[in-house]
Amino acid sequence: MLWERLRDLGVDAFPSQGNFLFARFQNALWVRDALAGLGIAVRAFPDKPLLDDGLRITLPGRPEPFERLLGGLACAVAPRPCSST
């Protein structure tokens, strides 16, 4: 489901069978920092030339944090007045 939501936002995301996925963003560090401002941690790879536009996103196991992640990603990818709650 996260993969599909990211694709709907125009993000180049890759499906995964694990508890995380990898997605490429136009500005991965902006998205990382925007999510961090909402208290959501993702892993960036700024020192890896082939991965520097990507983020490793761990999928929360509970519905509430998952919805919060979805809201935060929507805000970070398309900045506008919004809330992650």
C-alpha atoms as a PDB file:
ATOM      1  CA  MET A   1       0.000   0.000   0.000  1.00  0.00           C
ATOM      2  CA  LEU A   2       2.814   2.484   0.781  1.00  0.00           C
ATOM      3  CA  TRP A   3       4.396   1.706  -2.580  1.00  0.00           C
ATOM      4  CA  GLU A   4       1.141   2.539  -4.344  1.00  0.00           C
ATOM      5  CA  ARG A   5       0.625   5.761  -2.368  1.00  0.00           C
ATOM      6  CA  LEU A   6       4.139   6.922  -3.172  1.00  0.00           C
ATOM      7  CA  ARG A   7       3.626   6.138  -6.846  1.00  0.00           C
ATOM      8  CA  ASP A   8       0.403   8.194  -6.729  1.00  0.00           C
ATOM      9  CA  LEU A   9       2.498  11.099  -5.390  1.00  0.00           C
ATOM     10  CA  GLY A  10       4.870  10.770  -8.352  1.00  0.00           C
ATOM     11  CA  VAL A  11       7.663   9.123  -6.356  1.00  0.00           C
ATOM     12  CA  ASP A  12       9.751   6.379  -7.955  1.00  0.00           C
ATOM     13  CA  ALA A  13       9.151   3.709  -5.314  1.00  0.00           C
ATOM     14  CA  PHE A  14      10.012   0.060  -5.488  1.00  0.00           C
ATOM     15  CA  PRO A  15       7.752  -2.690  -4.129  1.00  0.00           C
ATOM     16  CA  SER A  16       9.166  -4.739  -1.287  1.00  0.00           C
ATOM     17  CA  GLN A  17       8.273  -7.896   0.576  1.00  0.00           C
ATOM     18  CA  GLY A  18      10.113  -6.740   3.691  1.00  0.00           C
ATOM     19  CA  ASN A  19       9.150  -4.236   6.369  1.00  0.00           C
ATOM     20  CA  PHE A  20      10.735  -1.343   4.439  1.00  0.00           C
ATOM     21  CA  LEU A  21      10.943   0.005   0.936  1.00  0.00           C
ATOM     22  CA  PHE A  22      13.295   2.162  -1.080  1.00  0.00           C
ATOM     23  CA  ALA A  23      12.046   5.224  -2.904  1.00  0.00           C
ATOM     24  CA  ARG A  24      13.770   7.846  -5.043  1.00  0.00           C
ATOM     25  CA  PHE A  25      12.866  11.520  -4.614  1.00  0.00           C
ATOM     26  CA  GLN A  26      13.767  14.690  -6.498  1.00  0.00           C
ATOM     27  CA  ASN A  27      15.178  15.999  -3.212  1.00  0.00           C
ATOM     28  CA  ALA A  28      15.590  13.129  -0.782  1.00  0.00           C
ATOM     29  CA  LEU A  29      17.260  15.238   1.907  1.00  0.00           C
ATOM     30  CA  TRP A  30      14.384  17.729   1.860  1.00  0.00           C
ATOM     31  CA  VAL A  31      11.896  14.887   2.329  1.00  0.00           C
ATOM     32  CA  ARG A  32      14.038  13.372   5.094  1.00  0.00           C
ATOM     33  CA  ASP A  33      14.259  16.701   6.909  1.00  0.00           C
ATOM     34  CA  ALA A  34      10.561  17.470   6.447  1.00  0.00           C
ATOM     35  CA  LEU A  35       9.646  14.078   7.913  1.00  0.00           C
ATOM     36  CA  ALA A  36      12.126  14.589  10.758  1.00  0.00           C
ATOM     37  CA  GLY A  37      10.337  17.841  11.565  1.00  0.00           C
ATOM     38  CA  LEU A  38       7.206  15.758  12.043  1.00  0.00           C
ATOM     39  CA  GLY A  39       9.038  13.236  14.226  1.00  0.00           C
ATOM     40  CA  ILE A  40       9.286  10.596  11.479  1.00  0.00           C
ATOM     41  CA  ALA A  41      12.713   9.055  10.837  1.00  0.00           C
ATOM     42  CA  VAL A  42      13.798   7.627   7.489  1.00  0.00           C
ATOM     43  CA  ARG A  43      17.271   6.717   6.276  1.00  0.00           C
ATOM     44  CA  ALA A  44      19.014   8.790   3.617  1.00  0.00           C
ATOM     45  CA  PHE A  45      22.242   7.967   1.772  1.00  0.00           C
ATOM     46  CA  PRO A  46      23.820  11.356   0.954  1.00  0.00           C
ATOM     47  CA  ASP A  47      27.356   9.933   0.707  1.00  0.00           C
ATOM     48  CA  LYS A  48      26.434   7.123  -1.687  1.00  0.00           C
ATOM     49  CA  PRO A  49      26.371   8.483  -5.273  1.00  0.00           C
ATOM     50  CA  LEU A  50      24.028   5.808  -6.609  1.00  0.00           C
ATOM     51  CA  LEU A  51      21.636   6.109  -3.659  1.00  0.00           C
ATOM     52  CA  ASP A  52      21.804   9.819  -2.809  1.00  0.00           C
ATOM     53  CA  ASP A  53      18.321  10.483  -4.203  1.00  0.00           C
ATOM     54  CA  GLY A  54      16.770   7.637  -2.219  1.00  0.00           C
ATOM     55  CA  LEU A  55      15.267   7.010   1.174  1.00  0.00           C
ATOM     56  CA  ARG A  56      14.804   3.747   3.040  1.00  0.00           C
ATOM     57  CA  ILE A  57      11.386   3.905   4.664  1.00  0.00           C
ATOM     58  CA  THR A  58      10.492   1.409   7.363  1.00  0.00           C
ATOM     59  CA  LEU A  59       6.805   0.545   7.455  1.00  0.00           C
ATOM     60  CA  PRO A  60       5.181   0.951  10.851  1.00  0.00           C
ATOM     61  CA  GLY A  61       3.376  -2.133  12.106  1.00  0.00           C
ATOM     62  CA  ARG A  62       0.349  -0.323  13.546  1.00  0.00           C
ATOM     63  CA  PRO A  63      -2.345   1.622  11.655  1.00  0.00           C
ATOM     64  CA  GLU A  64      -1.935   4.955  13.478  1.00  0.00           C
ATOM     65  CA  PRO A  65       1.798   5.397  12.796  1.00  0.00           C
ATOM     66  CA  PHE A  66       1.272   4.158   9.231  1.00  0.00           C
ATOM     67  CA  GLU A  67      -1.372   6.831   8.583  1.00  0.00           C
ATOM     68  CA  ARG A  68       0.938   9.404  10.160  1.00  0.00           C
ATOM     69  CA  LEU A  69       3.735   8.321   7.792  1.00  0.00           C
ATOM     70  CA  LEU A  70       1.411   8.593   4.790  1.00  0.00           C
ATOM     71  CA  GLY A  71       0.331  12.077   5.815  1.00  0.00           C
ATOM     72  CA  GLY A  72       3.891  13.171   6.430  1.00  0.00           C
ATOM     73  CA  LEU A  73       5.047  11.877   3.054  1.00  0.00           C
ATOM     74  CA  ALA A  74       2.189  13.644   1.282  1.00  0.00           C
ATOM     75  CA  CYS A  75       3.165  16.902   3.038  1.00  0.00           C
ATOM     76  CA  ALA A  76       6.867  16.472   2.306  1.00  0.00           C
ATOM     77  CA  VAL A  77       6.471  15.531  -1.353  1.00  0.00           C
ATOM     78  CA  ALA A  78       3.926  18.259  -2.145  1.00  0.00           C
ATOM     79  CA  PRO A  79       4.529  20.972   0.496  1.00  0.00           C
ATOM     80  CA  ARG A  80       1.398  22.871   1.479  1.00  0.00           C
ATOM     81  CA  PRO A  81      -0.317  23.660   4.754  1.00  0.00           C
ATOM     82  CA  CYS A  82      -1.108  20.203   6.118  1.00  0.00           C
ATOM     83  CA  SER A  83      -0.968  18.106   9.241  1.00  0.00           C
ATOM     84  CA  SER A  84       0.515  14.669   9.858  1.00  0.00           C
ATOM     85  CA  THR A  85      -2.147  13.784  12.443  1.00  0.00           C
END
